[in-house]
Amino acid sequence: MSAKGPTTSPLHLMVLLFNDQNYGIHYEYTIPADPSPEPKAPPVPRPSEPLFMWTHSGWEDCHAVCGGGERKTIVACTKIVNKTNSVVDSRKCRHLTKPEPQVRKCNEQPCQTRWMTTDWTACSRTCGKGSQNRQVACTQQLPNGTQVKARDRDCAGQKPAALQRCEGQDCLTVWEAGVWSECSAKCGQGARHRLVKCTNPRKKCDLSTLPREVEECEDYSKCYIWRTGDWAKCSVTCGKGMQSRVIQCMHKITGRHGNECFSSEKPAAYRPCQQQPCNEKINVNTITSPRLAALTFKCLRDQWPVYCKVIREKNLCTDMRWYQRCCETCRDFYAQKMQQKS
């Protein structure tokens, strides 16, 4: 563009970019070497006065989705104040000539045809073998986006199936029951549980055939337990001795005695005990000679058969008091000692 000038009013140059590419603006101006008196210029609008003009503010959508269409620029009235642009009502530019919109081609790809299918219908049988069907059609897209039916030969590829076999699952009622748990009671009546689940593919099982998940049970395996009495006093007043207590198998509810307790769970009936050390100088009960002890006491039989074995194991036969009550067992104890010395 060129203007002989002189320019006596503000000049606004606006560039419409194509393909978002900005080529820039180059401008030149000249000043006369011998300026002559300038004619009186018309008043220049004050910066605060707005300028209205038609501008291309954007592009419309393409009017066709395929087969070739057009899109046009949006011509709008623009208000310019202090280098700020804003779109205003078209009546503000009614005194100006409205330019024609720019036109560009779009969506030039050809409209295609394709197979369209609906969803499968429900199986014709709710139990057992049946069939399902669906609608299949060759369709073509129009430039306005709508789909219309076309001939089957116009669609590429094999036509999808419109019928298929199926099997109703409602009759496959399969309950799966787990293993019973232990009885909640160990002495009397209780309850036991198990997990029951529906294995039908559609989770449809007949509730009338639901197996039991809870049932009553009885268990008397732990009715008899070992009960213990208090520990007796130590068997000696000094040195090492033994303590005993009563162990009985009894019914936990009735208190009756029985033989149903587990021997492996029976508590200990004896335990060693320790008293203050004995004064050996005044302990007249200590047997100093095994042979003398065997000759001076006439032994008939053990008086405490239950305890004598423990007394021998705990090396208490050297005490005259234990020797007298377990003379038979202690006599064998001394006999073994004599053999070991010989």
Protein backbone atom coordinates (compact mmCIF):
# COMPACT_ATOMS: atom_id res chain seq x y z
CA MET A 1 0.00 0.00 0.00
CA SER A 2 1.17 3.51 -0.68
CA ALA A 3 -0.19 6.96 0.08
CA LYS A 4 1.09 10.21 -1.40
CA GLY A 5 0.12 12.05 1.74
CA PRO A 6 0.35 14.01 3.64
CA THR A 7 -1.40 11.87 6.26
CA THR A 8 -3.55 14.10 8.35
CA SER A 9 -5.37 11.47 10.43
CA PRO A 10 -4.28 8.41 12.45
CA LEU A 11 -3.61 5.38 10.26
CA HIS A 12 -4.45 1.91 11.74
CA LEU A 13 -3.07 -1.12 9.87
CA MET A 14 -4.38 -4.57 10.82
CA VAL A 15 -3.02 -7.84 9.40
CA LEU A 16 -5.03 -11.08 9.09
CA LEU A 17 -2.75 -14.07 9.66
CA PHE A 18 -3.11 -17.20 7.53
CA ASN A 19 -1.87 -20.55 8.92
CA ASP A 20 -0.80 -18.64 12.06
CA GLN A 21 2.32 -17.31 10.28
CA ASN A 22 3.40 -13.72 10.86
CA TYR A 23 5.52 -12.18 8.09
CA GLY A 24 5.96 -8.85 9.86
CA ILE A 25 5.33 -5.26 8.66
CA HIS A 26 7.79 -3.02 6.81
CA TYR A 27 7.03 0.67 6.40
CA GLU A 28 8.74 3.78 5.00
CA TYR A 29 7.90 7.47 4.96
CA THR A 30 9.39 10.62 3.41
CA ILE A 31 9.66 14.25 4.51
CA PRO A 32 9.97 17.10 1.94
CA ALA A 33 13.44 18.79 1.86
CA ASP A 34 11.90 22.28 1.69
CA PRO A 35 8.71 22.03 3.58
CA SER A 36 6.10 24.45 2.40
CA PRO A 37 3.52 25.87 4.66
CA GLU A 38 1.28 22.93 5.53
CA PRO A 39 -2.38 23.31 4.87
CA LYS A 40 -4.56 23.37 7.87
CA ALA A 41 -5.16 19.81 8.85
CA PRO A 42 -8.53 18.54 10.01
CA PRO A 43 -8.80 17.99 13.71
CA VAL A 44 -7.24 14.74 14.86
CA PRO A 45 -9.42 12.63 17.14
CA ARG A 46 -8.33 12.78 20.71
CA PRO A 47 -6.77 9.61 22.05
CA SER A 48 -9.77 9.10 24.28
CA GLU A 49 -12.20 9.01 21.32
CA PRO A 50 -12.90 5.39 20.13
CA LEU A 51 -12.38 4.17 16.59
CA PHE A 52 -14.88 1.71 15.09
CA MET A 53 -14.04 -0.56 12.16
CA TRP A 54 -14.94 -3.97 10.64
CA THR A 55 -12.45 -6.76 11.43
CA HIS A 56 -12.11 -10.50 10.79
CA SER A 57 -12.22 -11.89 14.32
CA GLY A 58 -12.05 -15.65 13.72
CA TRP A 59 -13.30 -18.63 11.71
CA GLU A 60 -16.64 -20.37 11.68
CA ASP A 61 -16.85 -24.16 11.95
CA CYS A 62 -16.76 -26.18 8.78
CA HIS A 63 -20.30 -26.78 7.53
CA ALA A 64 -19.47 -30.32 6.34
CA VAL A 65 -17.85 -33.23 8.21
CA CYS A 66 -16.69 -34.94 4.99
CA GLY A 67 -16.84 -34.61 1.22
CA GLY A 68 -15.49 -31.06 1.17
CA GLY A 69 -16.88 -28.00 2.89
CA GLU A 70 -16.22 -24.34 3.55
CA ARG A 71 -15.47 -22.22 6.56
CA LYS A 72 -15.71 -18.41 6.64
CA THR A 73 -14.21 -15.69 8.74
CA ILE A 74 -16.38 -13.92 11.28
CA VAL A 75 -16.69 -10.21 10.37
CA ALA A 76 -17.39 -8.18 13.48
CA CYS A 77 -17.49 -4.53 14.45
CA THR A 78 -14.42 -3.74 16.55
CA LYS A 79 -13.87 -0.86 18.91
CA ILE A 80 -10.29 0.44 19.25
CA VAL A 81 -9.35 2.64 22.19
CA ASN A 82 -5.75 3.22 23.29
CA LYS A 83 -4.53 0.20 21.31
CA THR A 84 -7.15 -2.03 22.94
CA ASN A 85 -9.59 -3.93 20.71
CA SER A 86 -13.05 -5.20 21.66
CA VAL A 87 -15.97 -6.54 19.63
CA VAL A 88 -19.08 -4.36 19.89
CA ASP A 89 -22.57 -4.24 18.37
CA SER A 90 -22.64 -4.12 14.56
CA ARG A 91 -24.68 -0.90 14.60
CA LYS A 92 -21.56 0.98 15.69
CA CYS A 93 -20.08 0.29 12.22
CA ARG A 94 -23.24 0.84 10.14
CA HIS A 95 -21.74 3.92 8.48
CA LEU A 96 -18.83 1.77 7.19
CA THR A 97 -18.81 -0.72 4.31
CA LYS A 98 -18.83 -4.26 5.68
CA PRO A 99 -16.20 -6.46 3.96
CA GLU A 100 -16.98 -9.90 2.60
CA PRO A 101 -15.79 -12.81 4.78
CA GLN A 102 -12.76 -14.83 3.77
CA VAL A 103 -13.54 -18.39 2.59
CA ARG A 104 -11.42 -21.52 3.06
CA LYS A 105 -12.07 -25.16 2.10
CA CYS A 106 -12.20 -27.79 4.84
CA ASN A 107 -12.87 -31.50 5.54
CA GLU A 108 -12.15 -32.51 1.97
CA GLN A 109 -11.81 -36.22 2.79
CA PRO A 110 -14.47 -38.36 1.10
CA CYS A 111 -17.46 -39.55 3.10
CA GLN A 112 -16.98 -43.21 4.05
CA THR A 113 -19.23 -46.20 4.45
CA ARG A 114 -19.03 -48.66 7.36
CA TRP A 115 -20.92 -51.46 9.06
CA MET A 116 -23.16 -50.39 11.94
CA THR A 117 -24.43 -52.91 14.54
CA THR A 118 -26.82 -52.71 17.48
CA ASP A 119 -26.36 -54.47 20.83
CA TRP A 120 -27.17 -58.17 21.13
CA THR A 121 -30.65 -58.95 22.37
CA ALA A 122 -31.18 -61.06 25.48
CA CYS A 123 -30.86 -64.82 25.07
CA SER A 124 -34.10 -66.39 23.82
CA ARG A 125 -33.88 -68.99 26.60
CA THR A 126 -33.29 -68.20 30.28
CA CYS A 127 -32.25 -71.81 30.86
CA GLY A 128 -30.52 -73.94 28.27
CA LYS A 129 -29.46 -73.29 24.68
CA GLY A 130 -30.99 -70.39 22.75
CA SER A 131 -30.06 -67.60 20.33
CA GLN A 132 -29.36 -63.86 20.20
CA ASN A 133 -29.72 -61.44 17.29
CA ARG A 134 -28.83 -57.88 16.40
CA GLN A 135 -29.32 -55.48 13.50
CA VAL A 136 -26.48 -55.06 10.99
CA ALA A 137 -26.53 -52.43 8.21
CA CYS A 138 -24.15 -50.72 5.82
CA THR A 139 -24.29 -46.96 6.40
CA GLN A 140 -22.82 -43.92 4.71
CA GLN A 141 -22.03 -40.60 6.33
CA LEU A 142 -23.41 -37.47 4.66
CA PRO A 143 -21.52 -34.17 4.64
CA ASN A 144 -23.85 -32.84 7.36
CA GLY A 145 -22.83 -35.71 9.66
CA THR A 146 -25.98 -37.84 9.47
CA GLN A 147 -25.85 -41.58 8.67
CA VAL A 148 -27.97 -43.10 5.92
CA LYS A 149 -28.39 -46.72 4.88
CA ALA A 150 -26.34 -47.86 1.89
CA ARG A 151 -26.05 -51.06 -0.09
CA ASP A 152 -24.18 -53.94 1.54
CA ARG A 153 -21.76 -54.13 -1.37
CA ASP A 154 -20.66 -50.54 -0.71
CA CYS A 155 -19.17 -51.51 2.69
CA ALA A 156 -15.72 -53.07 2.85
CA GLY A 157 -14.99 -56.28 4.73
CA GLN A 158 -17.20 -59.19 5.74
CA LYS A 159 -20.64 -58.41 7.05
CA PRO A 160 -20.82 -58.97 10.83
CA ALA A 161 -23.00 -61.81 12.10
CA ALA A 162 -26.58 -60.92 12.97
CA LEU A 163 -27.28 -64.18 14.89
CA GLN A 164 -25.34 -66.16 17.47
CA ARG A 165 -25.95 -69.03 19.86
CA CYS A 166 -26.29 -68.50 23.60
CA GLU A 167 -27.13 -70.43 26.73
CA GLY A 168 -29.38 -69.27 29.55
CA GLN A 169 -27.60 -69.22 32.90
CA ASP A 170 -30.53 -68.81 35.27
CA CYS A 171 -31.05 -72.55 35.73
CA LEU A 172 -27.44 -73.29 36.68
CA THR A 173 -27.98 -73.11 40.44
CA VAL A 174 -24.77 -74.36 42.01
CA TRP A 175 -24.13 -73.82 45.72
CA GLU A 176 -20.60 -74.53 46.93
CA ALA A 177 -20.25 -75.29 50.65
CA GLY A 178 -16.94 -75.18 52.52
CA VAL A 179 -15.67 -77.35 55.37
CA TRP A 180 -17.37 -77.15 58.76
CA SER A 181 -15.45 -75.34 61.45
CA GLU A 182 -14.76 -76.84 64.87
CA CYS A 183 -17.56 -76.83 67.41
CA SER A 184 -17.64 -73.61 69.39
CA ALA A 185 -18.06 -75.60 72.64
CA LYS A 186 -15.57 -78.15 73.92
CA CYS A 187 -17.84 -79.51 76.62
CA GLY A 188 -21.52 -79.57 75.69
CA GLN A 189 -23.64 -78.01 72.94
CA GLY A 190 -22.36 -75.29 70.60
CA ALA A 191 -22.44 -74.24 66.94
CA ARG A 192 -20.22 -74.71 63.93
CA HIS A 193 -20.03 -72.63 60.72
CA ARG A 194 -19.07 -73.01 57.08
CA LEU A 195 -18.85 -70.73 54.03
CA VAL A 196 -21.52 -71.17 51.32
CA LYS A 197 -21.25 -69.28 48.02
CA CYS A 198 -23.14 -69.21 44.72
CA THR A 199 -21.04 -70.34 41.74
CA ASN A 200 -23.64 -69.43 39.10
CA PRO A 201 -21.98 -67.24 36.43
CA ARG A 202 -24.72 -64.64 36.85
CA LYS A 203 -24.82 -65.01 40.64
CA LYS A 204 -28.41 -66.32 40.44
CA CYS A 205 -28.93 -69.27 42.78
CA ASP A 206 -32.20 -70.62 44.16
CA LEU A 207 -32.39 -69.53 47.79
CA SER A 208 -34.74 -72.43 48.55
CA THR A 209 -31.84 -74.84 47.98
CA LEU A 210 -29.31 -72.83 50.00
CA PRO A 211 -27.32 -75.23 52.23
CA ARG A 212 -27.08 -74.50 55.94
CA GLU A 213 -24.25 -72.19 56.98
CA VAL A 214 -24.69 -72.75 60.75
CA GLU A 215 -25.72 -75.86 62.68
CA GLU A 216 -25.75 -77.10 66.25
CA CYS A 217 -23.03 -79.43 67.48
CA GLU A 218 -21.91 -81.27 70.62
CA ASP A 219 -18.38 -81.86 71.82
CA TYR A 220 -17.39 -83.52 75.10
CA SER A 221 -13.71 -84.04 74.33
CA LYS A 222 -12.55 -81.43 76.83
CA CYS A 223 -15.05 -82.01 79.67
CA TYR A 224 -12.49 -83.73 81.89
CA ILE A 225 -9.51 -81.70 83.01
CA TRP A 226 -6.70 -82.13 85.50
CA ARG A 227 -7.26 -80.31 88.79
CA THR A 228 -4.46 -79.80 91.30
CA GLY A 229 -4.41 -79.31 95.03
CA ASP A 230 -2.09 -77.09 97.05
CA TRP A 231 1.54 -78.10 97.55
CA ALA A 232 2.17 -79.88 100.86
CA LYS A 233 4.87 -78.80 103.26
CA CYS A 234 8.44 -79.76 102.50
CA SER A 235 9.25 -83.31 103.68
CA VAL A 236 12.29 -82.13 105.67
CA THR A 237 12.99 -79.27 108.04
CA CYS A 238 16.52 -78.77 106.74
CA GLY A 239 18.39 -79.55 103.58
CA LYS A 240 16.79 -80.98 100.42
CA GLY A 241 13.35 -82.57 100.51
CA MET A 242 10.22 -83.15 98.45
CA GLN A 243 6.80 -81.56 98.12
CA SER A 244 3.70 -83.29 96.83
CA ARG A 245 0.20 -82.32 95.76
CA VAL A 246 -2.99 -84.12 94.77
CA ILE A 247 -3.69 -84.46 91.01
CA GLN A 248 -7.21 -85.54 90.00
CA CYS A 249 -9.04 -85.96 86.67
CA MET A 250 -12.41 -84.27 87.13
CA HIS A 251 -15.41 -83.19 85.05
CA LYS A 252 -15.30 -79.41 84.67
CA ILE A 253 -19.07 -79.03 85.18
CA THR A 254 -20.20 -81.87 87.46
CA GLY A 255 -16.94 -82.31 89.39
CA ARG A 256 -17.04 -86.08 88.99
CA HIS A 257 -13.84 -88.08 88.84
CA GLY A 258 -12.95 -89.82 85.62
CA ASN A 259 -10.20 -91.32 83.48
CA GLU A 260 -10.78 -89.28 80.29
CA CYS A 261 -7.98 -86.74 80.90
CA PHE A 262 -4.95 -86.80 78.59
CA SER A 263 -1.93 -88.22 80.37
CA SER A 264 0.36 -85.99 78.33
CA GLU A 265 -1.26 -82.94 79.94
CA LYS A 266 -1.03 -84.20 83.53
CA PRO A 267 0.77 -81.69 85.79
CA ALA A 268 3.67 -82.73 88.04
CA ALA A 269 2.71 -84.21 91.42
CA TYR A 270 6.16 -83.79 93.04
CA ARG A 271 8.83 -81.17 93.14
CA PRO A 272 12.02 -80.76 95.15
CA CYS A 273 12.17 -78.27 97.98
CA GLN A 274 15.11 -76.65 99.76
CA GLN A 275 15.14 -75.82 103.44
CA GLN A 276 17.90 -74.21 105.52
CA PRO A 277 21.18 -76.16 105.57
CA CYS A 278 21.36 -78.94 108.17
CA ASN A 279 24.03 -78.92 110.94
CA GLU A 280 25.97 -82.10 110.15
CA LYS A 281 27.49 -82.32 113.67
CA ILE A 282 24.11 -82.65 115.37
CA ASN A 283 22.16 -84.44 112.58
CA VAL A 284 21.70 -87.86 114.16
CA ASN A 285 19.54 -89.03 111.27
CA THR A 286 22.43 -89.22 108.80
CA ILE A 287 23.43 -92.83 108.06
CA THR A 288 27.20 -93.02 108.06
CA SER A 289 27.57 -96.72 107.26
CA PRO A 290 25.30 -98.39 104.70
CA ARG A 291 26.04 -101.87 106.07
CA LEU A 292 25.31 -100.75 109.66
CA ALA A 293 22.01 -99.22 108.55
CA ALA A 294 20.94 -102.39 106.82
CA LEU A 295 21.75 -104.55 109.91
CA THR A 296 20.37 -102.31 112.64
CA PHE A 297 16.88 -101.85 111.08
CA LYS A 298 14.71 -104.78 110.34
CA CYS A 299 13.20 -104.10 106.94
CA LEU A 300 9.84 -105.61 106.03
CA ARG A 301 8.63 -103.49 103.09
CA ASP A 302 8.33 -99.89 101.92
CA GLN A 303 5.77 -97.90 103.86
CA TRP A 304 5.38 -95.23 101.13
CA PRO A 305 5.59 -97.16 97.83
CA VAL A 306 4.40 -94.13 95.82
CA TYR A 307 7.11 -91.78 97.11
CA CYS A 308 10.03 -94.22 97.60
CA LYS A 309 11.16 -94.15 93.98
CA VAL A 310 11.32 -90.36 94.04
CA ILE A 311 13.19 -90.43 97.40
CA ARG A 312 15.80 -92.74 95.95
CA GLU A 313 16.21 -90.58 92.81
CA LYS A 314 16.64 -87.45 94.94
CA ASN A 315 19.39 -89.19 97.00
CA LEU A 316 17.41 -88.98 100.27
CA CYS A 317 18.12 -92.57 101.40
CA THR A 318 21.05 -91.33 103.45
CA ASP A 319 18.56 -89.87 105.92
CA MET A 320 17.43 -92.43 108.55
CA ARG A 321 13.88 -91.08 108.51
CA TRP A 322 13.43 -91.71 104.80
CA TYR A 323 15.37 -94.97 105.07
CA GLN A 324 12.94 -96.36 107.61
CA ARG A 325 9.88 -95.56 105.44
CA CYS A 326 11.49 -96.81 102.21
CA CYS A 327 13.85 -99.43 103.55
CA GLU A 328 13.33 -101.87 100.69
CA THR A 329 14.10 -99.31 98.00
CA CYS A 330 16.93 -97.70 99.97
CA ARG A 331 18.48 -101.07 100.79
CA ASP A 332 18.87 -101.70 97.04
CA PHE A 333 20.32 -98.20 96.78
CA TYR A 334 23.04 -99.05 99.33
CA ALA A 335 23.63 -102.44 97.76
CA GLN A 336 24.43 -100.77 94.44
CA LYS A 337 26.81 -98.38 96.21
CA MET A 338 28.67 -101.26 97.86
CA GLN A 339 29.00 -103.01 94.52
CA GLN A 340 30.41 -99.84 92.97
CA LYS A 341 33.00 -99.54 95.80
CA SER A 342 34.05 -103.18 95.51
